[in-house]
Amino acid sequence: MQERPVYLDLTKIRLPMSAFISITHRLSGMYVFFITLPLILHIINKTTSSKSEYEKILVDITSISFFSFFVFISIAVLWYHVLTGVRHLIMDFFHIGESLTGSHYSSIFTVILWSLTSLILFGYLFVL
């Protein structure tokens, strides 16, 4: 009779990059549903209520503040979710990158593309 493992050290388990992307895609979906969607709906509600509210939200988003950083993070998470979702759809429908090597490189490409485009958006919003 074999004994069951008593302690499983999760820090020793090394997930493949494609598994990491899949897990973070699900987590980003929850963030988008519970945080980003209500935030965007709140911003749309405020900006359509009056011209002064629109100008106030515009200033709040373009200035460096906690609110603008929170909006940027929420948009970046939404963008990550979209990119990883498109990656999954390409793998499922077109059967491109289904091998271990293909899924590894497509996940690295997705993370690099997300990082670069998020940095460009950050620079556009806050630096320019």
C-alpha atoms as a PDB file:
ATOM      1  CA  MET A   1       0.000   0.000   0.000  1.00  0.00           C
ATOM      2  CA  GLN A   2       1.377   3.384  -1.020  1.00  0.00           C
ATOM      3  CA  GLU A   3       1.179   6.330   1.306  1.00  0.00           C
ATOM      4  CA  ARG A   4      -0.405   9.506   0.058  1.00  0.00           C
ATOM      5  CA  PRO A   5       1.863  12.532  -0.224  1.00  0.00           C
ATOM      6  CA  VAL A   6       1.820  14.529   2.965  1.00  0.00           C
ATOM      7  CA  TYR A   7       3.275  17.756   1.633  1.00  0.00           C
ATOM      8  CA  LEU A   8       3.272  19.092  -1.886  1.00  0.00           C
ATOM      9  CA  ASP A   9       5.628  22.014  -2.421  1.00  0.00           C
ATOM     10  CA  LEU A  10       3.951  24.122  -5.114  1.00  0.00           C
ATOM     11  CA  THR A  11       7.056  26.286  -5.498  1.00  0.00           C
ATOM     12  CA  LYS A  12       8.948  23.276  -6.868  1.00  0.00           C
ATOM     13  CA  ILE A  13       6.414  22.625  -9.644  1.00  0.00           C
ATOM     14  CA  ARG A  14       7.387  24.334 -12.875  1.00  0.00           C
ATOM     15  CA  LEU A  15       4.460  24.931 -15.199  1.00  0.00           C
ATOM     16  CA  PRO A  16       5.006  25.157 -18.944  1.00  0.00           C
ATOM     17  CA  MET A  17       4.566  28.649 -20.357  1.00  0.00           C
ATOM     18  CA  SER A  18       1.396  27.620 -22.203  1.00  0.00           C
ATOM     19  CA  ALA A  19      -0.181  26.392 -18.940  1.00  0.00           C
ATOM     20  CA  PHE A  20       0.763  29.670 -17.243  1.00  0.00           C
ATOM     21  CA  ILE A  21      -0.890  31.610 -20.103  1.00  0.00           C
ATOM     22  CA  SER A  22      -4.012  29.468 -19.862  1.00  0.00           C
ATOM     23  CA  ILE A  23      -4.348  29.988 -16.107  1.00  0.00           C
ATOM     24  CA  THR A  24      -3.733  33.730 -16.310  1.00  0.00           C
ATOM     25  CA  HIS A  25      -6.251  33.967 -19.169  1.00  0.00           C
ATOM     26  CA  ARG A  26      -8.917  32.598 -16.850  1.00  0.00           C
ATOM     27  CA  LEU A  27      -7.856  34.898 -14.004  1.00  0.00           C
ATOM     28  CA  SER A  28      -7.831  37.921 -16.302  1.00  0.00           C
ATOM     29  CA  GLY A  29     -11.341  36.976 -17.443  1.00  0.00           C
ATOM     30  CA  MET A  30     -12.559  37.149 -13.852  1.00  0.00           C
ATOM     31  CA  TYR A  31     -10.806  40.510 -13.376  1.00  0.00           C
ATOM     32  CA  VAL A  32     -12.370  41.850 -16.573  1.00  0.00           C
ATOM     33  CA  PHE A  33     -15.840  40.704 -15.561  1.00  0.00           C
ATOM     34  CA  PHE A  34     -15.778  41.903 -11.956  1.00  0.00           C
ATOM     35  CA  ILE A  35     -13.493  44.973 -12.141  1.00  0.00           C
ATOM     36  CA  THR A  36     -12.951  46.291 -15.672  1.00  0.00           C
ATOM     37  CA  LEU A  37     -16.524  46.009 -16.924  1.00  0.00           C
ATOM     38  CA  PRO A  38     -18.075  47.912 -13.969  1.00  0.00           C
ATOM     39  CA  LEU A  39     -15.275  50.490 -14.158  1.00  0.00           C
ATOM     40  CA  ILE A  40     -15.818  51.120 -17.871  1.00  0.00           C
ATOM     41  CA  LEU A  41     -19.592  51.296 -17.382  1.00  0.00           C
ATOM     42  CA  HIS A  42     -19.075  53.810 -14.550  1.00  0.00           C
ATOM     43  CA  ILE A  43     -16.805  55.925 -16.762  1.00  0.00           C
ATOM     44  CA  ILE A  44     -19.317  55.811 -19.625  1.00  0.00           C
ATOM     45  CA  ASN A  45     -22.131  56.794 -17.248  1.00  0.00           C
ATOM     46  CA  LYS A  46     -20.141  59.715 -15.862  1.00  0.00           C
ATOM     47  CA  THR A  47     -18.948  60.989 -19.241  1.00  0.00           C
ATOM     48  CA  THR A  48     -22.422  60.951 -20.775  1.00  0.00           C
ATOM     49  CA  SER A  49     -24.142  62.687 -17.863  1.00  0.00           C
ATOM     50  CA  SER A  50     -22.774  66.183 -18.507  1.00  0.00           C
ATOM     51  CA  LYS A  51     -19.980  68.083 -20.208  1.00  0.00           C
ATOM     52  CA  SER A  52     -18.358  69.031 -16.900  1.00  0.00           C
ATOM     53  CA  GLU A  53     -18.276  65.369 -15.786  1.00  0.00           C
ATOM     54  CA  TYR A  54     -16.746  64.414 -19.128  1.00  0.00           C
ATOM     55  CA  GLU A  55     -13.996  67.013 -18.730  1.00  0.00           C
ATOM     56  CA  LYS A  56     -13.386  65.929 -15.125  1.00  0.00           C
ATOM     57  CA  ILE A  57     -13.024  62.244 -16.108  1.00  0.00           C
ATOM     58  CA  LEU A  58     -10.762  63.239 -19.007  1.00  0.00           C
ATOM     59  CA  VAL A  59      -8.477  65.158 -16.660  1.00  0.00           C
ATOM     60  CA  ASP A  60      -8.535  62.334 -14.099  1.00  0.00           C
ATOM     61  CA  ILE A  61      -7.555  59.724 -16.687  1.00  0.00           C
ATOM     62  CA  THR A  62      -4.813  61.765 -18.365  1.00  0.00           C
ATOM     63  CA  SER A  63      -3.200  62.968 -15.143  1.00  0.00           C
ATOM     64  CA  ILE A  64      -0.968  60.723 -13.080  1.00  0.00           C
ATOM     65  CA  SER A  65      -3.113  59.527 -10.192  1.00  0.00           C
ATOM     66  CA  PHE A  66      -4.305  56.339  -8.556  1.00  0.00           C
ATOM     67  CA  PHE A  67      -7.481  56.421 -10.642  1.00  0.00           C
ATOM     68  CA  SER A  68      -5.630  56.754 -13.949  1.00  0.00           C
ATOM     69  CA  PHE A  69      -3.217  53.969 -12.972  1.00  0.00           C
ATOM     70  CA  PHE A  70      -6.187  51.761 -12.024  1.00  0.00           C
ATOM     71  CA  VAL A  71      -7.853  52.472 -15.382  1.00  0.00           C
ATOM     72  CA  PHE A  72      -4.601  51.704 -17.204  1.00  0.00           C
ATOM     73  CA  ILE A  73      -4.153  48.399 -15.339  1.00  0.00           C
ATOM     74  CA  SER A  74      -7.755  47.444 -16.084  1.00  0.00           C
ATOM     75  CA  ILE A  75      -7.349  48.205 -19.787  1.00  0.00           C
ATOM     76  CA  ALA A  76      -4.045  46.296 -19.858  1.00  0.00           C
ATOM     77  CA  VAL A  77      -5.681  43.253 -18.251  1.00  0.00           C
ATOM     78  CA  LEU A  78      -8.538  43.452 -20.760  1.00  0.00           C
ATOM     79  CA  TRP A  79      -6.015  43.638 -23.607  1.00  0.00           C
ATOM     80  CA  TYR A  80      -4.121  40.641 -22.167  1.00  0.00           C
ATOM     81  CA  HIS A  81      -7.366  38.680 -21.997  1.00  0.00           C
ATOM     82  CA  VAL A  82      -8.182  39.531 -25.624  1.00  0.00           C
ATOM     83  CA  LEU A  83      -4.710  38.567 -26.869  1.00  0.00           C
ATOM     84  CA  THR A  84      -4.621  35.265 -25.009  1.00  0.00           C
ATOM     85  CA  GLY A  85      -8.187  34.541 -26.108  1.00  0.00           C
ATOM     86  CA  VAL A  86      -7.247  35.086 -29.750  1.00  0.00           C
ATOM     87  CA  ARG A  87      -4.252  32.780 -29.212  1.00  0.00           C
ATOM     88  CA  HIS A  88      -6.558  30.078 -27.839  1.00  0.00           C
ATOM     89  CA  LEU A  89      -9.016  30.540 -30.705  1.00  0.00           C
ATOM     90  CA  ILE A  90      -6.243  30.206 -33.296  1.00  0.00           C
ATOM     91  CA  MET A  91      -5.064  27.023 -31.608  1.00  0.00           C
ATOM     92  CA  ASP A  92      -8.598  25.577 -31.335  1.00  0.00           C
ATOM     93  CA  PHE A  93     -10.079  26.491 -34.715  1.00  0.00           C
ATOM     94  CA  PHE A  94      -7.101  26.571 -37.046  1.00  0.00           C
ATOM     95  CA  HIS A  95      -4.955  23.978 -35.213  1.00  0.00           C
ATOM     96  CA  ILE A  96      -1.927  26.245 -35.418  1.00  0.00           C
ATOM     97  CA  GLY A  97       0.566  25.928 -32.581  1.00  0.00           C
ATOM     98  CA  GLU A  98      -0.979  22.877 -30.937  1.00  0.00           C
ATOM     99  CA  SER A  99       2.339  21.118 -30.480  1.00  0.00           C
ATOM    100  CA  LEU A 100       4.327  21.656 -27.291  1.00  0.00           C
ATOM    101  CA  THR A 101       6.913  23.749 -29.094  1.00  0.00           C
ATOM    102  CA  GLY A 102       4.319  25.761 -30.986  1.00  0.00           C
ATOM    103  CA  SER A 103       2.270  26.499 -27.897  1.00  0.00           C
ATOM    104  CA  HIS A 104       5.421  27.459 -25.984  1.00  0.00           C
ATOM    105  CA  TYR A 105       6.531  29.960 -28.631  1.00  0.00           C
ATOM    106  CA  SER A 106       3.041  31.350 -29.200  1.00  0.00           C
ATOM    107  CA  SER A 107       2.656  31.974 -25.480  1.00  0.00           C
ATOM    108  CA  ILE A 108       6.006  33.785 -25.344  1.00  0.00           C
ATOM    109  CA  PHE A 109       5.005  35.823 -28.414  1.00  0.00           C
ATOM    110  CA  THR A 110       1.687  36.718 -26.755  1.00  0.00           C
ATOM    111  CA  VAL A 111       3.347  37.918 -23.551  1.00  0.00           C
ATOM    112  CA  ILE A 112       5.934  39.961 -25.472  1.00  0.00           C
ATOM    113  CA  LEU A 113       3.256  41.503 -27.723  1.00  0.00           C
ATOM    114  CA  TRP A 114       1.114  42.352 -24.688  1.00  0.00           C
ATOM    115  CA  SER A 115       4.071  43.881 -22.840  1.00  0.00           C
ATOM    116  CA  LEU A 116       5.151  46.032 -25.762  1.00  0.00           C
ATOM    117  CA  THR A 117       1.675  47.286 -26.607  1.00  0.00           C
ATOM    118  CA  SER A 118       0.939  48.007 -22.933  1.00  0.00           C
ATOM    119  CA  LEU A 119       4.153  50.003 -22.629  1.00  0.00           C
ATOM    120  CA  ILE A 120       3.259  51.953 -25.770  1.00  0.00           C
ATOM    121  CA  LEU A 121      -0.216  52.683 -24.348  1.00  0.00           C
ATOM    122  CA  PHE A 122       1.311  53.707 -21.013  1.00  0.00           C
ATOM    123  CA  GLY A 123       3.730  56.041 -22.780  1.00  0.00           C
ATOM    124  CA  TYR A 124       0.971  57.494 -24.915  1.00  0.00           C
ATOM    125  CA  LEU A 125      -1.298  58.163 -21.941  1.00  0.00           C
ATOM    126  CA  PHE A 126       1.165  59.419 -19.367  1.00  0.00           C
ATOM    127  CA  VAL A 127       4.333  60.568 -21.072  1.00  0.00           C
ATOM    128  CA  LEU A 128       3.089  62.388 -24.161  1.00  0.00           C
END
